[in-house]
Amino acid sequence: MIIDATTTDDMDLTAEGLTVVDFYRDDCRFCDMLAPVLDDVAFELPVARFVKVNCSRVDGLAAAQQIQTFPTTKLFKNGEVVDSIVGFVPASVLIERIGKHLY
């Protein structure tokens, strides 16, 4: 399951464990391509928490997270950024990168 965050409070980046956050925009073709891939990965790795954030609708978030390219997927472990993936990547790459930080 992927949480669709509409505010920064919905993201809860300080949550214990691994949180995978997809920062995307409405007008981004690669973001549209990544969405179903993230759905599949979230199904494969239910132990991680998945959050999607539409930076077109949450003001200032992209700047606050220092995001310049969309999509950007950040991995937060216990509140700290442990990895950042810029652009579209296949499910196998996401699973490998996320898997490194699960345990």
Protein backbone atom coordinates (compact mmCIF):
# COMPACT_ATOMS: atom_id res chain seq x y z
CA MET A 1 0.00 0.00 0.00
CA ILE A 2 1.23 3.47 -0.87
CA ILE A 3 0.22 6.49 1.20
CA ASP A 4 -0.67 9.56 -0.87
CA ALA A 5 0.65 12.43 1.24
CA THR A 6 -1.06 15.78 0.84
CA THR A 7 0.89 17.56 3.59
CA THR A 8 4.36 17.24 5.05
CA ASP A 9 2.77 15.77 8.20
CA ASP A 10 1.42 12.84 6.14
CA MET A 11 4.95 11.91 5.14
CA ASP A 12 6.13 11.19 8.71
CA LEU A 13 9.78 10.94 7.69
CA THR A 14 10.84 10.26 11.27
CA ALA A 15 8.94 6.96 11.39
CA GLU A 16 10.90 3.97 12.62
CA GLY A 17 12.06 1.64 9.87
CA LEU A 18 12.36 2.33 6.17
CA THR A 19 10.17 4.88 4.40
CA VAL A 20 10.34 5.12 0.61
CA VAL A 21 9.13 8.50 -0.66
CA ASP A 22 8.33 9.17 -4.30
CA PHE A 23 8.49 12.90 -5.04
CA TYR A 24 6.68 13.54 -8.33
CA ARG A 25 4.91 16.23 -10.37
CA ASP A 26 1.68 16.21 -12.38
CA ASP A 27 3.42 17.27 -15.60
CA CYS A 28 6.19 14.64 -15.50
CA ARG A 29 6.06 11.82 -18.05
CA PHE A 30 8.71 9.77 -16.23
CA CYS A 31 6.78 10.17 -12.97
CA ASP A 32 3.76 8.62 -14.69
CA MET A 33 5.94 5.72 -15.83
CA LEU A 34 7.32 5.15 -12.33
CA ALA A 35 3.94 5.05 -10.57
CA PRO A 36 2.95 1.46 -11.54
CA VAL A 37 6.50 0.27 -10.88
CA LEU A 38 6.31 1.64 -7.33
CA ASP A 39 2.95 -0.08 -6.86
CA ASP A 40 4.57 -3.41 -7.77
CA VAL A 41 7.59 -2.80 -5.54
CA ALA A 42 5.37 -1.83 -2.59
CA PHE A 43 3.52 -5.12 -3.05
CA GLU A 44 6.82 -7.06 -3.17
CA LEU A 45 8.30 -5.31 -0.11
CA PRO A 46 5.45 -4.78 2.37
CA VAL A 47 7.89 -4.37 5.27
CA ALA A 48 8.84 -0.89 3.96
CA ARG A 49 6.51 2.10 4.19
CA PHE A 50 5.77 3.77 0.81
CA VAL A 51 4.67 7.38 0.40
CA LYS A 52 3.90 9.40 -2.74
CA VAL A 53 4.11 13.18 -2.65
CA ASN A 54 2.82 15.37 -5.45
CA CYS A 55 5.22 18.32 -5.37
CA SER A 56 2.85 20.21 -7.70
CA ARG A 57 0.38 20.39 -4.82
CA VAL A 58 2.57 20.58 -1.69
CA ASP A 59 4.17 24.02 -1.78
CA GLY A 60 7.86 24.33 -0.98
CA LEU A 61 8.43 20.63 -0.47
CA ALA A 62 10.74 20.11 -3.43
CA ALA A 63 12.95 22.97 -2.30
CA ALA A 64 12.93 21.78 1.31
CA GLN A 65 14.04 18.29 0.20
CA GLN A 66 16.56 19.73 -2.30
CA ILE A 67 14.83 18.04 -5.23
CA GLN A 68 15.66 19.44 -8.65
CA THR A 69 14.68 16.54 -10.93
CA PHE A 70 11.49 14.50 -11.05
CA PRO A 71 10.84 11.80 -10.21
CA THR A 72 13.10 11.53 -7.20
CA THR A 73 12.72 8.63 -4.80
CA LYS A 74 14.30 9.04 -1.38
CA LEU A 75 14.78 6.33 1.21
CA PHE A 76 14.54 7.41 4.84
CA LYS A 77 15.62 5.06 7.61
CA ASN A 78 14.63 6.16 11.09
CA GLY A 79 14.35 9.73 9.83
CA GLU A 80 17.67 9.93 7.96
CA VAL A 81 18.10 9.89 4.16
CA VAL A 82 20.03 6.73 3.29
CA ASP A 83 19.61 6.74 -0.50
CA SER A 84 18.26 8.87 -3.32
CA ILE A 85 17.24 7.65 -6.76
CA VAL A 86 16.74 10.24 -9.49
CA GLY A 87 14.68 9.50 -12.59
CA PHE A 88 12.88 6.41 -13.78
CA VAL A 89 14.37 3.04 -12.85
CA PRO A 90 12.97 -0.48 -13.30
CA ALA A 91 11.48 -2.46 -10.43
CA SER A 92 14.55 -4.69 -10.12
CA VAL A 93 16.75 -1.66 -9.39
CA LEU A 94 14.30 -0.28 -6.81
CA ILE A 95 14.00 -3.64 -5.08
CA GLU A 96 17.79 -3.98 -4.90
CA ARG A 97 18.36 -0.45 -3.56
CA ILE A 98 15.51 -0.67 -1.05
CA GLY A 99 16.51 -4.17 0.03
CA LYS A 100 19.96 -2.94 1.10
CA HIS A 101 18.37 -0.80 3.80
CA LEU A 102 15.61 -3.05 5.10
CA TYR A 103 17.62 -5.02 7.63
